[in-house]
Amino acid sequence: MSILDNIHIGANKQQAVLNHLKTTPRPIVIFGAGIYAYVLHRYLTASAIPIAAVMVDSAYKTSETFEGSKVVTTEESVASISGYEIVIGTPNYPAAVANLERLGATAIHLVDVPDFLNIPKPFMDIDFVRQNAASFDRAYELFADDLSRATYIAAINTKINDDLEYIKPCVRLSHLYFSDEFPLSGDEVLLDVGGYTGDSVQDFIATTKGHYRGIISLEPFSASFEKLSALVDALGRPDVTALKVGAWDQKMTVPFATNPLDIDNRITGNGDRRIEVDTIDNILAGGDQITFIKMDINGAEYRALSGARETIRKSRPKIAVKLHVKEDLYRLPLLLKEIAPDIKLYLRQRNFMSMMLVLYGVFGS
């Protein structure tokens, strides 16, 4: 099968929505104030779309402003809600849309941000798929089940058409990394690559109900590492370790760029700061044999996995990798199969916005 036989090119409905938002006289309001709302706020601002306010249910209001925009509550906005242009800023949007319609909202829009690293540029176009069709085809054939293959095609169609309808049938809601579909034992040792402020550590502990053997969390960025370290100290568990280092394919110091929430910090040649990086093989040398690698490091995943070859071959861990850049849709499956030919690969869409696409690698039956 050629991937090109399953690619559809249609009218870009999202571009029509963005053009409308640029010209509407009505106030534009983002519904939601979480991570996706932050990414969406950046995307709309970079697209020259003015944001009048951010709306949340009163139970979730924690501040008066969000990224410089006033925060209002859904409850206080009921009388005027029909006059707003509302852009959904929560990833699991069907329930939010239904509730806003019930309250009288008449102009509700979905805007998909495929990833935050290239805002506001398009994530991928049909020319890129054509140029790399052979690699896409090879990657497609590596997936272990029909849902993965369907998700792969749907994700590509979603990203080149800016149309969430393609991916919607493939959504399987679950924990982003630690899915019940790939069960965890009570003896897991997690390597958390991209520890951020400890959100994955907390999710892992909750998912395992506290029954695991160890956690090693890597976070190279100072502000995030301080928060991660504070969480580790608060946990008071000797089986949780935070290391201030990033994962790469060699030991070195690299430049990086930061953004306000640190979720989209990334290694880049024109960055004005520096972080220390090393290979996972080096970081883990002589330590515990890990059983799970979670990796979400903003486009550095390919280099980091390249530096984990011996660890993957020796420890045969479960792997969950978030896909951030267009090349990784084919090069990460190809890389993992090259490292470990018997690994089974699965692709899952973990919520209704296309940026939440996760590649899993599993050994054994």
Protein backbone atom coordinates (compact mmCIF):
# COMPACT_ATOMS: atom_id res chain seq x y z
CA MET A 1 0.00 0.00 0.00
CA SER A 2 1.18 3.53 -0.75
CA ILE A 3 0.36 6.11 1.89
CA LEU A 4 -0.54 8.52 -0.91
CA ASP A 5 -3.51 6.34 -1.87
CA ASN A 6 -5.11 7.20 1.48
CA ILE A 7 -4.35 10.91 1.67
CA HIS A 8 -7.22 13.31 1.07
CA ILE A 9 -6.84 16.95 0.11
CA GLY A 10 -9.90 19.05 0.81
CA ALA A 11 -10.87 22.62 1.58
CA ASN A 12 -9.04 23.92 4.64
CA LYS A 13 -11.97 24.68 6.93
CA GLN A 14 -9.72 25.83 9.74
CA GLN A 15 -8.18 28.54 7.59
CA ALA A 16 -11.69 29.81 6.92
CA VAL A 17 -12.31 29.91 10.69
CA LEU A 18 -9.07 31.84 11.27
CA ASN A 19 -9.95 34.32 8.51
CA HIS A 20 -13.36 34.83 10.12
CA LEU A 21 -11.82 35.42 13.54
CA LYS A 22 -9.49 38.05 12.09
CA THR A 23 -12.40 40.11 10.79
CA THR A 24 -15.28 39.52 13.21
CA PRO A 25 -16.39 42.52 15.28
CA ARG A 26 -17.46 40.23 18.12
CA PRO A 27 -15.16 39.55 21.09
CA ILE A 28 -13.10 36.38 20.81
CA VAL A 29 -12.99 34.23 23.93
CA ILE A 30 -10.93 31.08 24.59
CA PHE A 31 -12.76 28.48 26.67
CA GLY A 32 -10.29 26.77 29.00
CA ALA A 33 -7.13 27.74 30.88
CA GLY A 34 -4.95 24.64 30.82
CA ILE A 35 -1.96 23.61 28.74
CA TYR A 36 -3.88 23.42 25.47
CA ALA A 37 -5.42 26.84 26.09
CA TYR A 38 -1.90 28.21 26.56
CA VAL A 39 -0.80 26.70 23.23
CA LEU A 40 -3.96 27.95 21.52
CA HIS A 41 -3.49 31.45 22.98
CA ARG A 42 0.03 31.54 21.53
CA TYR A 43 -1.23 30.27 18.18
CA LEU A 44 -4.07 32.80 17.86
CA THR A 45 -1.85 35.67 19.00
CA ALA A 46 0.82 34.68 16.46
CA SER A 47 -1.93 34.60 13.82
CA ALA A 48 -2.85 38.22 14.62
CA ILE A 49 -6.18 37.25 16.18
CA PRO A 50 -7.06 39.41 19.22
CA ILE A 51 -8.28 37.61 22.34
CA ALA A 52 -10.76 39.49 24.52
CA ALA A 53 -10.86 37.02 27.41
CA VAL A 54 -10.37 33.48 28.63
CA MET A 55 -13.44 31.72 30.02
CA VAL A 56 -13.53 28.95 32.62
CA ASP A 57 -16.16 27.46 34.88
CA SER A 58 -15.99 29.19 38.26
CA ALA A 59 -14.68 26.05 39.97
CA TYR A 60 -11.54 26.25 37.79
CA LYS A 61 -10.78 29.96 38.08
CA THR A 62 -7.42 30.33 39.81
CA SER A 63 -6.34 33.81 38.69
CA GLU A 64 -7.61 37.04 37.17
CA THR A 65 -5.50 36.80 34.01
CA PHE A 66 -4.21 34.08 31.71
CA GLU A 67 -1.34 34.89 29.36
CA GLY A 68 -2.28 38.55 29.65
CA SER A 69 -5.98 38.03 28.93
CA LYS A 70 -8.74 38.64 31.46
CA VAL A 71 -10.28 35.50 32.95
CA VAL A 72 -14.07 35.40 33.15
CA THR A 73 -16.34 32.63 34.38
CA THR A 74 -18.90 30.77 32.35
CA GLU A 75 -21.51 31.52 35.01
CA GLU A 76 -21.05 35.28 34.86
CA SER A 77 -21.00 35.25 31.05
CA VAL A 78 -24.34 33.53 30.42
CA ALA A 79 -26.20 36.75 29.62
CA SER A 80 -23.69 37.76 26.94
CA ILE A 81 -22.42 34.38 25.77
CA SER A 82 -24.42 34.43 22.54
CA GLY A 83 -22.42 37.49 21.48
CA TYR A 84 -19.02 35.81 21.79
CA GLU A 85 -16.88 34.02 19.26
CA ILE A 86 -15.73 31.09 21.43
CA VAL A 87 -12.64 29.08 20.54
CA ILE A 88 -12.39 25.79 22.41
CA GLY A 89 -9.19 25.57 24.45
CA THR A 90 -9.76 22.18 26.05
CA PRO A 91 -8.51 19.05 24.24
CA ASN A 92 -11.56 16.87 24.94
CA TYR A 93 -13.90 19.30 23.29
CA PRO A 94 -17.18 17.40 22.67
CA ALA A 95 -18.45 17.85 26.24
CA ALA A 96 -17.36 21.51 26.32
CA VAL A 97 -19.14 22.25 23.04
CA ALA A 98 -22.35 20.59 24.25
CA ASN A 99 -22.32 22.54 27.52
CA LEU A 100 -21.64 25.89 25.83
CA GLU A 101 -24.45 25.28 23.34
CA ARG A 102 -26.76 24.49 26.25
CA LEU A 103 -25.85 27.86 27.79
CA GLY A 104 -26.74 29.68 24.58
CA ALA A 105 -23.43 30.04 22.75
CA THR A 106 -24.01 30.31 19.01
CA ALA A 107 -20.48 30.77 17.59
CA ILE A 108 -18.20 27.96 18.76
CA HIS A 109 -14.99 27.16 16.88
CA LEU A 110 -12.45 24.36 16.97
CA VAL A 111 -8.88 25.36 16.15
CA ASP A 112 -6.34 22.55 16.09
CA VAL A 113 -2.71 23.32 16.89
CA PRO A 114 -0.82 20.26 15.56
CA ASP A 115 2.19 21.12 17.70
CA PHE A 116 3.60 24.18 19.44
CA LEU A 117 7.15 24.06 18.05
CA ASN A 118 6.35 25.68 14.70
CA ILE A 119 3.61 28.15 15.68
CA PRO A 120 2.05 29.62 13.58
CA LYS A 121 3.45 27.78 10.56
CA PRO A 122 1.66 24.72 9.14
CA PHE A 123 2.84 21.44 10.66
CA MET A 124 2.99 19.46 7.42
CA ASP A 125 1.77 19.67 3.84
CA ILE A 126 1.11 17.20 1.04
CA ASP A 127 4.43 18.00 -0.64
CA PHE A 128 6.29 16.75 2.45
CA VAL A 129 4.29 13.51 2.37
CA ARG A 130 5.00 13.04 -1.33
CA GLN A 131 8.72 13.68 -0.89
CA ASN A 132 8.92 11.12 1.92
CA ALA A 133 6.26 8.67 0.74
CA ALA A 134 8.63 5.69 0.78
CA SER A 135 9.54 6.32 4.43
CA PHE A 136 5.90 6.83 5.39
CA ASP A 137 5.03 3.55 3.66
CA ARG A 138 7.76 1.66 5.52
CA ALA A 139 6.67 3.08 8.86
CA TYR A 140 3.00 2.25 8.18
CA GLU A 141 3.87 -1.40 7.63
CA LEU A 142 5.66 -1.62 10.99
CA PHE A 143 2.60 -1.05 13.19
CA ALA A 144 1.26 -4.04 15.08
CA ASP A 145 -2.49 -3.50 14.79
CA ASP A 146 -5.21 -2.07 12.56
CA LEU A 147 -6.01 0.79 14.95
CA SER A 148 -2.40 2.00 14.76
CA ARG A 149 -2.45 1.95 10.97
CA ALA A 150 -5.81 3.73 10.85
CA THR A 151 -4.55 6.30 13.38
CA TYR A 152 -1.42 6.87 11.30
CA ILE A 153 -3.39 7.71 8.15
CA ALA A 154 -5.94 9.77 10.09
CA ALA A 155 -3.20 11.77 11.82
CA ILE A 156 -1.52 12.61 8.53
CA ASN A 157 -4.83 13.66 6.97
CA THR A 158 -5.68 15.74 10.03
CA LYS A 159 -2.36 17.55 10.01
CA ILE A 160 -2.24 18.37 6.30
CA ASN A 161 -5.91 19.41 6.14
CA ASP A 162 -6.27 21.05 9.60
CA ASP A 163 -9.42 18.97 10.00
CA LEU A 164 -10.09 17.14 13.28
CA GLU A 165 -12.82 15.00 11.79
CA TYR A 166 -10.21 12.63 10.35
CA ILE A 167 -8.69 11.74 13.72
CA LYS A 168 -11.90 11.78 15.79
CA PRO A 169 -12.88 8.10 15.14
CA CYS A 170 -9.41 6.97 16.25
CA VAL A 171 -9.37 8.76 19.61
CA ARG A 172 -8.84 6.43 22.55
CA LEU A 173 -9.05 8.42 25.77
CA SER A 174 -6.58 7.27 28.40
CA HIS A 175 -3.56 8.46 30.35
CA LEU A 176 -1.24 10.15 27.89
CA TYR A 177 1.67 7.77 28.51
CA PHE A 178 0.65 5.12 31.04
CA SER A 179 -2.31 3.55 29.31
CA ASP A 180 -4.25 0.59 30.71
CA GLU A 181 -3.91 -0.86 27.22
CA PHE A 182 -0.26 -1.57 28.03
CA PRO A 183 -0.52 -2.58 31.71
CA LEU A 184 2.09 -1.67 34.29
CA SER A 185 3.37 -4.17 36.81
CA GLY A 186 4.16 -3.49 40.45
CA ASP A 187 7.87 -3.80 39.68
CA GLU A 188 8.31 -1.02 37.13
CA VAL A 189 11.34 1.25 36.95
CA LEU A 190 10.39 4.40 35.03
CA LEU A 191 12.81 6.58 33.11
CA ASP A 192 10.90 9.85 32.78
CA VAL A 193 12.60 11.72 29.93
CA GLY A 194 11.28 15.25 30.06
CA GLY A 195 10.31 15.40 33.72
CA TYR A 196 9.06 19.01 33.53
CA THR A 197 7.65 19.80 36.99
CA GLY A 198 6.77 16.23 37.91
CA ASP A 199 3.40 15.74 36.24
CA SER A 200 4.40 12.39 34.74
CA VAL A 201 5.94 11.26 38.03
CA GLN A 202 2.63 11.95 39.77
CA ASP A 203 0.64 10.24 37.02
CA PHE A 204 2.89 7.19 37.13
CA ILE A 205 2.56 6.90 40.91
CA ALA A 206 -1.21 7.26 40.67
CA THR A 207 -1.47 4.72 37.84
CA THR A 208 0.60 2.14 39.71
CA LYS A 209 -1.15 3.03 42.99
CA GLY A 210 2.30 3.57 44.44
CA HIS A 211 3.49 0.06 43.63
CA TYR A 212 6.67 0.33 41.58
CA ARG A 213 10.42 -0.19 42.04
CA GLY A 214 11.83 3.15 41.00
CA ILE A 215 11.57 6.43 39.07
CA ILE A 216 14.40 8.39 37.44
CA SER A 217 13.22 11.74 36.07
CA LEU A 218 15.42 13.78 33.71
CA GLU A 219 14.83 17.54 33.46
CA PRO A 220 17.59 19.85 32.13
CA PHE A 221 15.84 23.24 32.44
CA SER A 222 16.55 25.04 35.71
CA ALA A 223 13.11 26.46 36.51
CA SER A 224 11.35 23.17 35.84
CA PHE A 225 14.04 21.17 37.62
CA GLU A 226 13.57 23.23 40.78
CA LYS A 227 9.86 22.38 40.81
CA LEU A 228 10.56 18.75 39.99
CA SER A 229 13.09 18.53 42.83
CA ALA A 230 10.61 20.13 45.23
CA LEU A 231 8.02 17.50 44.27
CA VAL A 232 10.54 14.70 44.77
CA ASP A 233 11.45 16.10 48.19
CA ALA A 234 7.77 16.36 49.13
CA LEU A 235 7.17 12.76 48.11
CA GLY A 236 9.86 11.71 50.54
CA ARG A 237 10.47 8.44 48.69
CA PRO A 238 14.03 7.18 48.18
CA ASP A 239 12.90 5.37 45.02
CA VAL A 240 12.32 8.66 43.13
CA THR A 241 15.35 10.49 41.72
CA ALA A 242 15.55 13.75 39.73
CA LEU A 243 18.57 14.42 37.53
CA LYS A 244 19.35 17.78 35.95
CA VAL A 245 20.33 16.54 32.51
CA GLY A 246 18.72 16.18 29.11
CA ALA A 247 18.72 13.13 26.84
CA TRP A 248 20.67 13.34 23.55
CA ASP A 249 22.87 11.18 21.34
CA GLN A 250 26.14 12.42 22.86
CA LYS A 251 27.43 14.11 25.98
CA MET A 252 27.71 17.87 25.43
CA THR A 253 26.36 21.32 26.20
CA VAL A 254 23.68 22.55 23.79
CA PRO A 255 21.83 25.85 23.25
CA PHE A 256 18.10 26.09 23.93
CA ALA A 257 15.26 28.60 23.80
CA THR A 258 12.64 29.14 26.50
CA ASN A 259 8.99 30.18 26.56
CA PRO A 260 6.79 31.43 29.42
CA LEU A 261 5.47 28.11 30.77
CA ASP A 262 8.59 26.10 29.91
CA ILE A 263 6.45 23.39 28.28
CA ASP A 264 7.81 24.36 24.87
CA ASN A 265 11.46 24.94 25.73
CA ARG A 266 13.55 23.27 23.07
CA ILE A 267 17.08 22.68 21.88
CA THR A 268 17.81 25.04 19.00
CA GLY A 269 20.93 26.38 17.33
CA ASN A 270 19.98 30.02 17.98
CA GLY A 271 19.07 29.57 21.66
CA ASP A 272 20.62 32.00 24.12
CA ARG A 273 20.91 29.57 27.06
CA ARG A 274 22.69 26.27 27.62
CA ILE A 275 21.81 22.89 29.09
CA GLU A 276 23.77 19.73 29.76
CA VAL A 277 22.79 16.63 27.79
CA ASP A 278 24.03 13.05 27.65
CA THR A 279 23.01 9.70 26.22
CA ILE A 280 20.54 7.56 28.12
CA ASP A 281 23.06 4.73 27.81
CA ASN A 282 25.59 6.84 29.74
CA ILE A 283 23.10 8.20 32.27
CA LEU A 284 21.95 4.71 33.22
CA ALA A 285 25.34 2.98 33.07
CA GLY A 286 25.69 0.70 36.08
CA GLY A 287 22.26 1.54 37.44
CA ASP A 288 18.91 -0.23 37.69
CA GLN A 289 17.51 -1.96 34.65
CA ILE A 290 14.63 0.23 33.60
CA THR A 291 11.28 -1.19 32.45
CA PHE A 292 9.54 1.89 31.00
CA ILE A 293 10.79 4.90 29.03
CA LYS A 294 8.43 7.84 28.79
CA MET A 295 9.74 10.53 26.44
CA ASP A 296 8.30 13.98 25.70
CA ILE A 297 11.11 16.42 24.90
CA ASN A 298 9.87 18.78 22.23
CA GLY A 299 11.43 17.46 19.06
CA ALA A 300 14.60 15.97 20.58
CA GLU A 301 13.12 12.47 20.73
CA TYR A 302 15.00 11.08 17.74
CA ARG A 303 18.40 12.13 19.07
CA ALA A 304 17.52 10.88 22.56
CA LEU A 305 16.36 7.45 21.38
CA SER A 306 19.47 7.19 19.23
CA GLY A 307 21.44 7.55 22.45
CA ALA A 308 19.45 4.78 24.14
CA ARG A 309 20.26 1.89 21.82
CA GLU A 310 22.04 -0.31 24.35
CA THR A 311 19.49 0.45 27.06
CA ILE A 312 16.62 -0.57 24.80
CA ARG A 313 18.37 -3.73 23.63
CA LYS A 314 19.47 -4.74 27.12
CA SER A 315 16.46 -3.73 29.24
CA ARG A 316 13.67 -4.17 26.64
CA PRO A 317 11.49 -1.53 28.29
CA LYS A 318 8.02 -0.40 27.35
CA ILE A 319 8.34 2.90 25.50
CA ALA A 320 5.90 5.81 25.15
CA VAL A 321 7.05 8.70 22.95
CA LYS A 322 5.11 11.83 22.10
CA LEU A 323 5.42 12.82 18.43
CA HIS A 324 6.33 16.49 18.05
CA VAL A 325 7.82 16.99 14.57
CA LYS A 326 6.67 15.84 11.16
CA GLU A 327 9.78 13.75 10.44
CA ASP A 328 9.14 11.68 13.57
CA LEU A 329 5.97 10.24 12.11
CA TYR A 330 8.20 7.94 10.09
CA ARG A 331 11.71 8.14 11.52
CA LEU A 332 10.82 7.13 15.10
CA PRO A 333 9.05 3.89 14.11
CA LEU A 334 11.92 3.11 11.72
CA LEU A 335 14.52 3.85 14.39
CA LEU A 336 12.89 1.71 17.08
CA LYS A 337 12.55 -1.23 14.70
CA GLU A 338 16.17 -0.84 13.66
CA ILE A 339 17.29 -0.84 17.30
CA ALA A 340 15.06 -3.77 18.30
CA PRO A 341 13.50 -5.70 15.39
CA ASP A 342 11.18 -7.67 17.71
CA ILE A 343 9.60 -4.59 19.31
CA LYS A 344 5.87 -4.16 18.62
CA LEU A 345 4.79 -0.65 17.70
CA TYR A 346 1.43 0.97 18.40
CA LEU A 347 0.14 4.46 17.66
CA ARG A 348 -2.61 6.06 19.72
CA GLN A 349 -4.45 9.37 19.62
CA ARG A 350 -5.00 10.23 23.29
CA ASN A 351 -7.46 13.11 23.01
CA PHE A 352 -9.36 15.04 20.37
CA MET A 353 -6.61 17.56 19.47
CA SER A 354 -4.07 16.21 17.01
CA MET A 355 -0.96 17.14 19.02
CA MET A 356 -1.66 14.32 21.50
CA LEU A 357 -0.26 11.51 19.35
CA VAL A 358 1.81 8.88 21.15
CA LEU A 359 3.98 6.08 19.78
CA TYR A 360 4.28 2.99 22.01
CA GLY A 361 6.85 0.23 21.83
CA VAL A 362 6.22 -3.06 23.63
CA PHE A 363 8.27 -6.25 23.86
CA GLY A 364 6.78 -9.71 24.27
CA SER A 365 3.31 -10.98 23.49
